[in-house]
C-alpha atoms as a PDB file:
ATOM      1  CA  MET A   1     -73.278 145.918  77.552  1.00  0.00           C
ATOM      2  CA  THR A   2     -70.461 143.671  78.528  1.00  0.00           C
ATOM      3  CA  PRO A   3     -69.450 140.688  76.407  1.00  0.00           C
ATOM      4  CA  LYS A   4     -70.439 138.384  79.257  1.00  0.00           C
ATOM      5  CA  GLU A   5     -73.986 139.783  79.260  1.00  0.00           C
ATOM      6  CA  ILE A   6     -74.220 139.416  75.493  1.00  0.00           C
ATOM      7  CA  ARG A   7     -73.026 135.796  75.526  1.00  0.00           C
ATOM      8  CA  GLU A   8     -75.827 134.913  77.937  1.00  0.00           C
ATOM      9  CA  LEU A   9     -78.454 136.112  75.451  1.00  0.00           C
ATOM     10  CA  ALA A  10     -80.143 133.863  72.904  1.00  0.00           C
ATOM     11  CA  PRO A  11     -79.404 134.533  69.219  1.00  0.00           C
ATOM     12  CA  ALA A  12     -82.885 135.996  68.682  1.00  0.00           C
ATOM     13  CA  GLU A  13     -82.400 138.346  71.638  1.00  0.00           C
ATOM     14  CA  ILE A  14     -79.048 139.477  70.258  1.00  0.00           C
ATOM     15  CA  THR A  15     -80.662 140.273  66.910  1.00  0.00           C
ATOM     16  CA  THR A  16     -83.408 142.256  68.626  1.00  0.00           C
ATOM     17  CA  LYS A  17     -80.920 144.145  70.781  1.00  0.00           C
ATOM     18  CA  LEU A  18     -78.796 144.909  67.716  1.00  0.00           C
ATOM     19  CA  ARG A  19     -81.810 146.357  65.906  1.00  0.00           C
ATOM     20  CA  GLU A  20     -82.734 148.492  68.936  1.00  0.00           C
ATOM     21  CA  ILE A  21     -79.220 149.871  69.351  1.00  0.00           C
ATOM     22  CA  ARG A  22     -78.920 150.693  65.645  1.00  0.00           C
ATOM     23  CA  GLU A  23     -82.228 152.575  65.806  1.00  0.00           C
ATOM     24  CA  GLU A  24     -81.046 154.463  68.887  1.00  0.00           C
ATOM     25  CA  LEU A  25     -77.778 155.335  67.128  1.00  0.00           C
ATOM     26  CA  LEU A  26     -79.682 156.653  64.120  1.00  0.00           C
ATOM     27  CA  GLN A  27     -81.870 158.851  66.321  1.00  0.00           C
ATOM     28  CA  LEU A  28     -78.838 160.122  68.199  1.00  0.00           C
ATOM     29  CA  ARG A  29     -77.042 160.991  64.960  1.00  0.00           C
ATOM     30  CA  LEU A  30     -80.046 162.942  63.746  1.00  0.00           C
ATOM     31  CA  ARG A  31     -80.280 164.832  67.040  1.00  0.00           C
ATOM     32  CA  LYS A  32     -76.546 165.544  66.913  1.00  0.00           C
ATOM     33  CA  GLN A  33     -76.927 167.176  63.505  1.00  0.00           C
ATOM     34  CA  THR A  34     -79.532 169.559  64.929  1.00  0.00           C
ATOM     35  CA  GLY A  35     -77.376 170.310  67.977  1.00  0.00           C
ATOM     36  CA  GLN A  36     -79.656 168.674  70.540  1.00  0.00           C
ATOM     37  CA  VAL A  37     -77.145 166.178  71.951  1.00  0.00           C
ATOM     38  CA  GLU A  38     -75.169 167.063  75.059  1.00  0.00           C
ATOM     39  CA  LYS A  39     -73.487 163.707  75.639  1.00  0.00           C
ATOM     40  CA  THR A  40     -71.752 162.935  72.374  1.00  0.00           C
ATOM     41  CA  ASP A  41     -69.817 160.074  73.985  1.00  0.00           C
ATOM     42  CA  LYS A  42     -73.027 158.028  73.783  1.00  0.00           C
ATOM     43  CA  LEU A  43     -72.443 157.708  70.006  1.00  0.00           C
ATOM     44  CA  ARG A  44     -69.122 155.993  70.600  1.00  0.00           C
ATOM     45  CA  THR A  45     -70.596 153.698  73.230  1.00  0.00           C
ATOM     46  CA  LEU A  46     -73.407 152.604  70.912  1.00  0.00           C
ATOM     47  CA  ARG A  47     -70.997 151.894  68.055  1.00  0.00           C
ATOM     48  CA  LYS A  48     -68.873 149.739  70.351  1.00  0.00           C
ATOM     49  CA  ASP A  49     -71.954 147.878  71.589  1.00  0.00           C
ATOM     50  CA  ILE A  50     -72.924 147.142  67.982  1.00  0.00           C
ATOM     51  CA  ALA A  51     -69.444 145.801  67.293  1.00  0.00           C
ATOM     52  CA  ARG A  52     -69.588 143.580  70.386  1.00  0.00           C
ATOM     53  CA  LEU A  53     -72.997 142.203  69.413  1.00  0.00           C
ATOM     54  CA  GLU A  54     -71.895 141.430  65.861  1.00  0.00           C
ATOM     55  CA  THR A  55     -68.648 139.831  67.020  1.00  0.00           C
ATOM     56  CA  ILE A  56     -70.366 137.510  69.467  1.00  0.00           C
ATOM     57  CA  THR A  57     -73.038 136.662  66.888  1.00  0.00           C
ATOM     58  CA  ARG A  58     -70.296 135.558  64.490  1.00  0.00           C
ATOM     59  CA  GLU A  59     -68.545 133.589  67.225  1.00  0.00           C
ATOM     60  CA  LYS A  60     -71.761 131.704  67.958  1.00  0.00           C
ATOM     61  CA  ALA A  61     -72.378 131.096  64.238  1.00  0.00           C
ATOM     62  CA  ARG A  62     -68.909 129.621  63.796  1.00  0.00           C
ATOM     63  CA  LYS A  63     -69.258 127.350  66.834  1.00  0.00           C
ATOM     64  CA  ALA A  64     -72.694 126.024  65.871  1.00  0.00           C
ATOM     65  CA  PRO A  65     -71.616 124.087  62.727  1.00  0.00           C
ATOM     66  CA  ALA A  66     -68.500 122.750  64.454  1.00  0.00           C
ATOM     67  CA  ALA A  67     -70.539 121.431  67.384  1.00  0.00           C
ATOM     68  CA  ALA A  68     -73.183 119.837  65.170  1.00  0.00           C
END
């Protein structure tokens, strides 16, 4: 996901997406341990997506009190 796509989402959607990606990362880690993963670069991509989601969530949280 790009930061632009994430910024267009509502806070509830971001939380849902974050939960989904974390679950996917967990499943991928488990499959990696058993040797079933061919594309290990997906792990890195998911971690970066999580970081983007959390960063934008914090940006929105900081702007909300200042705007109110």
